[in-house]
């Protein structure tokens, strides 16, 4: 059984935060639709009231999520725009001591507070909870956008998500340099630094401003579908990593289409975009879920291509273009 969680400061600072009954729909099974994804892969102020618990997400889980990004931000900001030794991982993507130390700090906090929760992080992989438990799984990327981080561009972010039976029910995108924090909770309105936000209507793909991290992420069979979408929108743009999804949720762009991702790249962003009124699926229109399987990561069996839009109609049109033969 899980040890009782301590009363965490952030939840107590918001009188309206409450612990509700946990009520989630089980993630639907997928017969197909899974794509093989691969990724070339001053302390921050707290925003406790930006993350009050929904009736379906226990308050202490939301509070811990804020503590996780606070801990990561205290580390990453210390290294940002300093001379760093950069290592290349097996997939040739860069990694720094800031990535590793931030993930270690977040893992330690989860294990201290909820030892029966599973953890999946970009740098250290999957770690099941006590007794092999994985009903609840924390998924985080300490620095999403390491290339931006090492080149001094403050458009990277720390991503923290909590999955319940594979469904992302809580997500935080934190940019500690700009002191911006998006919080998405299943069934609740997304907030940015505590203020409710909403996507903007576009409703026609030809009027859409679209982001992707880089055109180089679309390889092989993914290249042609992306090029069709890029040719169909008003302006295709690049270079924001996770920050693009924050801009989408806040109503500053209309579409994000990406490929070559892993669950830690997008799970935190799903409740943020959906809670702001947007739509977020894989390229086949399936909900984004992940059951926390070590073998799935080893065998590249997970949804690797995503499409997020500010409104249902733009999302529908983008999916239609992606699926054209």
Protein backbone atom coordinates (compact mmCIF):
# COMPACT_ATOMS: atom_id res chain seq x y z
CA UNK A 1 0.00 0.00 0.00
CA UNK A 2 1.14 3.55 -0.67
CA UNK A 3 2.53 5.41 2.27
CA UNK A 4 0.44 8.48 3.16
CA UNK A 5 1.66 11.51 1.27
CA UNK A 6 2.89 14.54 3.21
CA UNK A 7 0.75 17.65 3.13
CA UNK A 8 2.49 19.57 0.42
CA UNK A 9 2.79 23.34 0.64
CA UNK A 10 1.41 24.25 -2.75
CA UNK A 11 -1.92 22.54 -2.26
CA UNK A 12 -2.36 24.05 1.20
CA UNK A 13 -1.70 27.56 -0.11
CA UNK A 14 -4.81 27.39 -2.31
CA UNK A 15 -7.87 27.17 -0.15
CA UNK A 16 -9.97 26.08 -3.10
CA UNK A 17 -7.84 23.05 -3.86
CA UNK A 18 -9.60 19.88 -2.93
CA UNK A 19 -9.15 16.16 -3.03
CA UNK A 20 -11.86 14.55 -5.13
CA UNK A 21 -12.72 11.01 -5.95
CA UNK A 22 -10.60 9.45 -8.64
CA UNK A 23 -12.80 8.65 -11.61
CA UNK A 24 -11.14 7.92 -14.89
CA UNK A 25 -12.13 6.06 -18.02
CA UNK A 26 -9.69 3.32 -18.88
CA UNK A 27 -7.54 4.08 -21.89
CA UNK A 28 -9.01 2.46 -24.96
CA UNK A 29 -7.08 -0.35 -26.54
CA UNK A 30 -5.60 0.35 -29.95
CA UNK A 31 -5.82 -2.06 -32.82
CA UNK A 32 -3.41 -0.26 -35.08
CA UNK A 33 -2.79 3.46 -34.97
CA UNK A 34 0.49 2.99 -33.09
CA UNK A 35 3.29 4.53 -35.02
CA UNK A 36 6.93 3.86 -34.54
CA UNK A 37 8.40 7.02 -33.11
CA UNK A 38 11.99 7.87 -32.42
CA UNK A 39 13.46 11.11 -31.23
CA UNK A 40 16.86 12.50 -32.05
CA UNK A 41 16.87 13.47 -29.03
CA UNK A 42 17.51 33.15 -9.30
CA UNK A 43 15.23 30.04 -8.43
CA UNK A 44 11.92 29.92 -10.22
CA UNK A 45 8.89 31.36 -8.53
CA UNK A 46 6.08 29.00 -7.59
CA UNK A 47 2.57 29.13 -9.01
CA UNK A 48 0.56 27.12 -6.47
CA UNK A 49 -2.82 28.60 -7.32
CA UNK A 50 -2.29 27.84 -11.01
CA UNK A 51 -2.62 24.18 -10.21
CA UNK A 52 -5.62 23.66 -7.99
CA UNK A 53 -6.83 20.10 -8.16
CA UNK A 54 -9.72 19.03 -10.26
CA UNK A 55 -12.31 16.70 -8.78
CA UNK A 56 -10.69 13.81 -10.65
CA UNK A 57 -7.01 14.46 -9.79
CA UNK A 58 -5.96 14.28 -6.14
CA UNK A 59 -4.68 17.61 -4.85
CA UNK A 60 -1.42 16.16 -3.59
CA UNK A 61 -0.62 14.87 -7.08
CA UNK A 62 -1.08 18.35 -8.54
CA UNK A 63 0.98 19.83 -5.74
CA UNK A 64 3.79 17.35 -6.32
CA UNK A 65 3.78 18.11 -10.06
CA UNK A 66 4.45 21.76 -9.23
CA UNK A 67 7.22 20.76 -6.84
CA UNK A 68 8.78 18.63 -9.56
CA UNK A 69 9.07 21.50 -12.04
CA UNK A 70 10.22 23.85 -9.26
CA UNK A 71 13.03 21.43 -8.43
CA UNK A 72 13.98 21.00 -12.07
CA UNK A 73 13.90 24.75 -12.70
CA UNK A 74 16.23 25.48 -9.81
CA UNK A 75 18.79 23.22 -11.50
CA UNK A 76 18.29 24.06 -15.17
CA UNK A 77 18.38 27.83 -14.68
CA UNK A 78 21.68 27.50 -12.84
CA UNK A 79 23.25 25.94 -15.96
CA UNK A 80 21.44 27.97 -18.63
CA UNK A 81 23.79 30.11 -20.75
CA UNK A 82 26.89 28.72 -19.07
CA UNK A 83 29.71 26.69 -20.57
CA UNK A 84 28.49 23.08 -20.50
CA UNK A 85 30.00 19.80 -21.52
CA UNK A 86 27.65 18.31 -24.09
CA UNK A 87 27.40 14.57 -24.62
CA UNK A 88 25.73 12.81 -27.54
CA UNK A 89 23.30 9.99 -26.79
CA UNK A 90 22.97 6.85 -28.88
CA UNK A 91 20.50 8.60 -31.18
CA UNK A 92 22.95 11.54 -31.61
CA UNK A 93 20.75 13.93 -29.61
CA UNK A 94 22.57 16.11 -27.06
CA UNK A 95 22.38 15.77 -23.28
CA UNK A 96 23.94 17.81 -20.48
CA UNK A 97 24.48 17.61 -16.74
CA UNK A 98 21.46 19.90 -16.40
CA UNK A 99 19.21 17.27 -18.04
CA UNK A 100 20.53 14.48 -15.83
CA UNK A 101 20.56 16.37 -12.53
CA UNK A 102 17.06 17.76 -13.07
CA UNK A 103 15.64 14.32 -13.84
CA UNK A 104 17.39 12.82 -10.81
CA UNK A 105 15.85 15.46 -8.57
CA UNK A 106 12.36 14.83 -9.95
CA UNK A 107 12.68 11.06 -9.62
CA UNK A 108 13.77 11.40 -6.00
CA UNK A 109 10.72 13.53 -5.18
CA UNK A 110 8.29 11.06 -6.75
CA UNK A 111 9.84 8.08 -4.98
CA UNK A 112 9.85 9.90 -1.64
CA UNK A 113 6.18 10.88 -1.86
CA UNK A 114 4.56 8.10 -3.92
CA UNK A 115 6.81 5.04 -4.03
CA UNK A 116 4.15 2.96 -5.75
CA UNK A 117 4.01 5.32 -8.75
CA UNK A 118 5.94 4.41 -11.90
CA UNK A 119 8.31 6.89 -13.57
CA UNK A 120 9.35 7.35 -17.18
CA UNK A 121 11.93 10.01 -17.95
CA UNK A 122 13.90 10.81 -21.07
CA UNK A 123 17.32 10.36 -19.52
CA UNK A 124 16.85 7.34 -17.23
CA UNK A 125 14.03 5.34 -18.76
CA UNK A 126 11.21 3.41 -17.11
CA UNK A 127 11.12 2.61 -13.39
CA UNK A 128 8.08 0.79 -12.05
CA UNK A 129 6.63 1.60 -8.65
CA UNK A 130 6.99 -0.54 -5.55
CA UNK A 131 5.88 -4.09 -6.27
CA UNK A 132 5.83 -3.41 -10.01
CA UNK A 133 2.96 -0.92 -9.76
CA UNK A 134 2.21 1.29 -12.77
CA UNK A 135 -1.43 2.38 -12.41
CA UNK A 136 -0.10 5.91 -11.95
CA UNK A 137 2.92 6.83 -14.03
CA UNK A 138 4.87 10.09 -13.99
CA UNK A 139 6.32 11.00 -17.37
CA UNK A 140 8.81 13.82 -17.60
CA UNK A 141 11.35 15.49 -19.82
CA UNK A 142 13.66 17.70 -17.74
CA UNK A 143 14.66 19.83 -20.73
CA UNK A 144 12.48 19.49 -23.79
CA UNK A 145 14.46 21.40 -26.36
CA UNK A 146 18.03 20.66 -25.30
CA UNK A 147 19.36 22.15 -28.54
CA UNK A 148 17.64 25.43 -27.67
CA UNK A 149 18.98 25.15 -24.11
CA UNK A 150 22.62 24.69 -25.12
CA UNK A 151 22.44 27.53 -27.66
CA UNK A 152 20.96 30.01 -25.17
CA UNK A 153 17.41 30.23 -26.57
CA UNK A 154 14.79 30.29 -23.77
CA UNK A 155 12.11 28.36 -25.67
CA UNK A 156 12.85 24.99 -24.03
CA UNK A 157 10.75 23.75 -21.16
CA UNK A 158 10.38 21.17 -18.42
CA UNK A 159 7.52 18.74 -19.05
CA UNK A 160 5.79 16.76 -16.30
CA UNK A 161 2.78 14.54 -16.88
CA UNK A 162 0.84 12.08 -14.77
CA UNK A 163 -0.85 9.15 -16.49
CA UNK A 164 -3.64 7.06 -15.01
CA UNK A 165 -4.00 3.70 -16.73
CA UNK A 166 -2.12 5.24 -19.65
CA UNK A 167 -4.24 8.37 -20.02
CA UNK A 168 -2.56 11.77 -19.41
CA UNK A 169 -4.68 13.44 -16.71
CA UNK A 170 -2.24 16.11 -15.53
CA UNK A 171 0.39 18.07 -17.42
CA UNK A 172 2.73 20.96 -16.71
CA UNK A 173 4.89 22.90 -19.15
CA UNK A 174 7.30 25.12 -17.22
CA UNK A 175 9.66 27.70 -18.73
CA UNK A 176 11.67 28.83 -15.68
CA UNK A 177 13.72 31.52 -17.44
CA UNK A 178 10.62 33.36 -18.68
CA UNK A 179 8.74 32.30 -15.52
CA UNK A 180 5.81 30.90 -17.47
CA UNK A 181 3.90 27.83 -16.35
CA UNK A 182 1.05 26.11 -18.15
CA UNK A 183 -1.01 23.65 -16.10
CA UNK A 184 -3.55 21.27 -17.59
CA UNK A 185 -5.76 19.01 -15.46
CA UNK A 186 -8.27 16.53 -16.82
CA UNK A 187 -11.72 18.12 -16.90
CA UNK A 188 -10.50 21.60 -15.94
CA UNK A 189 -9.64 24.80 -17.80
CA UNK A 190 -5.92 25.16 -18.55
CA UNK A 191 -4.09 27.99 -16.81
CA UNK A 192 -1.01 30.05 -17.60
CA UNK A 193 0.54 31.45 -14.42
CA UNK A 194 -2.80 30.93 -12.71
CA UNK A 195 -4.99 32.66 -15.30
CA UNK A 196 -7.41 30.61 -17.43
CA UNK A 197 -6.50 30.53 -21.11
CA UNK A 198 -8.15 29.38 -24.32
CA UNK A 199 -7.15 28.49 -27.84
CA UNK A 200 -8.33 30.71 -30.68
CA UNK A 201 -10.73 29.66 -33.43
CA UNK A 202 -9.28 29.28 -36.91
CA UNK A 203 -11.67 26.80 -38.58
CA UNK A 204 -9.91 26.82 -41.93
CA UNK A 205 -6.56 25.18 -42.52
CA UNK A 206 -5.57 27.73 -45.14
CA UNK A 207 -5.63 30.45 -42.46
CA UNK A 208 -3.58 28.52 -39.91
CA UNK A 209 -0.23 29.47 -38.42
CA UNK A 210 1.50 26.14 -37.82
CA UNK A 211 4.55 25.11 -35.80
CA UNK A 212 6.90 22.14 -35.90
CA UNK A 213 10.24 21.91 -34.14
CA UNK A 214 12.15 21.33 -37.38
CA UNK A 215 11.37 20.10 -40.91
CA UNK A 216 14.17 17.56 -40.36
CA UNK A 217 11.97 15.59 -37.94
CA UNK A 218 9.87 14.35 -40.87
CA UNK A 219 11.68 11.45 -42.50
CA UNK A 220 10.72 8.50 -44.67
CA UNK A 221 6.96 8.01 -44.92
CA UNK A 222 6.35 11.01 -42.64
CA UNK A 223 7.88 13.53 -45.02
CA UNK A 224 5.21 13.67 -47.73
CA UNK A 225 2.23 14.00 -45.33
CA UNK A 226 3.93 16.85 -43.49
CA UNK A 227 4.81 18.64 -46.72
CA UNK A 228 1.16 18.48 -47.77
CA UNK A 229 0.06 20.12 -44.51
CA UNK A 230 2.82 22.73 -44.67
CA UNK A 231 1.67 23.64 -48.19
CA UNK A 232 -1.95 23.91 -46.99
CA UNK A 233 -1.50 26.36 -44.09
CA UNK A 234 -0.97 30.10 -44.19
CA UNK A 235 2.43 30.13 -42.46
CA UNK A 236 4.55 27.12 -41.44
CA UNK A 237 7.04 27.97 -38.68
CA UNK A 238 9.79 26.15 -36.79
CA UNK A 239 11.93 26.16 -33.70
CA UNK A 240 9.85 26.16 -30.50
CA UNK A 241 9.89 22.55 -29.24
CA UNK A 242 7.31 22.21 -26.42
CA UNK A 243 6.85 25.98 -26.22
CA UNK A 244 4.82 25.88 -29.45
CA UNK A 245 2.09 23.90 -27.67
CA UNK A 246 1.98 26.54 -24.93
CA UNK A 247 1.50 29.20 -27.58
CA UNK A 248 -1.25 27.09 -29.14
CA UNK A 249 -3.05 26.71 -25.81
CA UNK A 250 -2.77 30.45 -25.16
CA UNK A 251 -4.30 31.33 -28.54
CA UNK A 252 -1.23 32.61 -30.41
CA UNK A 253 -1.02 29.97 -33.14
CA UNK A 254 -3.39 27.43 -34.65
CA UNK A 255 -1.69 24.11 -35.29
CA UNK A 256 1.30 21.99 -34.26
CA UNK A 257 2.22 18.94 -36.34
CA UNK A 258 5.23 16.84 -35.35
CA UNK A 259 6.81 13.41 -35.78
CA UNK A 260 9.69 11.37 -34.40
CA UNK A 261 8.53 11.83 -30.80
CA UNK A 262 8.41 9.71 -27.66
CA UNK A 263 5.73 9.84 -24.92
CA UNK A 264 7.80 12.18 -22.72
CA UNK A 265 7.79 14.72 -25.57
CA UNK A 266 4.01 15.17 -25.65
CA UNK A 267 2.12 13.56 -22.76
CA UNK A 268 2.30 16.66 -20.55
CA UNK A 269 1.03 18.79 -23.42
CA UNK A 270 -2.15 16.79 -24.07
CA UNK A 271 -4.20 18.00 -21.05
CA UNK A 272 -2.80 21.51 -21.55
CA UNK A 273 -4.06 21.81 -25.13
CA UNK A 274 -7.35 19.97 -24.54
CA UNK A 275 -8.07 21.94 -21.36
CA UNK A 276 -7.69 25.17 -23.36
CA UNK A 277 -10.29 24.02 -25.89
CA UNK A 278 -8.05 22.40 -28.47
CA UNK A 279 -7.75 18.94 -30.00
CA UNK A 280 -4.72 16.66 -29.69
CA UNK A 281 -4.32 13.19 -31.26
CA UNK A 282 -1.92 11.12 -33.30
CA UNK A 283 -2.00 11.38 -37.09
CA UNK A 284 -4.69 8.68 -37.24
CA UNK A 285 -6.99 10.66 -34.95
CA UNK A 286 -6.49 8.33 -31.97
CA UNK A 287 -6.19 9.63 -28.42
CA UNK A 288 -2.63 9.67 -27.10
CA UNK A 289 -2.12 6.95 -24.49
CA UNK A 290 0.82 4.96 -23.18
CA UNK A 291 0.74 2.03 -20.80
CA UNK A 292 4.26 2.43 -19.44
CA UNK A 293 5.73 -0.71 -20.96
CA UNK A 294 9.50 -1.14 -20.92
CA UNK A 295 9.22 -3.39 -23.97
CA UNK A 296 7.19 -0.78 -25.88
CA UNK A 297 10.00 1.74 -25.54
CA UNK A 298 12.64 -0.86 -26.39
CA UNK A 299 10.72 -1.89 -29.52
CA UNK A 300 9.67 1.65 -30.51
CA UNK A 301 5.99 0.76 -30.12
CA UNK A 302 4.25 3.98 -29.22
CA UNK A 303 2.56 6.88 -30.95
CA UNK A 304 5.30 9.01 -32.45
CA UNK A 305 3.40 11.43 -34.70
CA UNK A 306 1.06 14.06 -33.24
CA UNK A 307 -1.35 16.73 -34.41
CA UNK A 308 -2.60 19.46 -32.07
CA UNK A 309 -4.99 22.22 -33.11
CA UNK A 310 -6.79 25.10 -31.49
CA UNK A 311 -10.22 23.97 -32.72
CA UNK A 312 -11.88 20.78 -33.89
CA UNK A 313 -12.41 21.86 -37.49
CA UNK A 314 -8.78 22.82 -38.12
CA UNK A 315 -7.72 19.56 -36.50
CA UNK A 316 -10.10 17.59 -38.72
CA UNK A 317 -8.82 19.30 -41.87
CA UNK A 318 -5.18 18.77 -40.90
CA UNK A 319 -5.76 15.05 -40.27
CA UNK A 320 -7.49 14.72 -43.63
CA UNK A 321 -4.48 16.20 -45.42
CA UNK A 322 -2.08 14.00 -43.45
CA UNK A 323 -4.06 10.89 -44.49
CA UNK A 324 -4.26 11.71 -48.20
CA UNK A 325 -2.68 9.13 -50.47
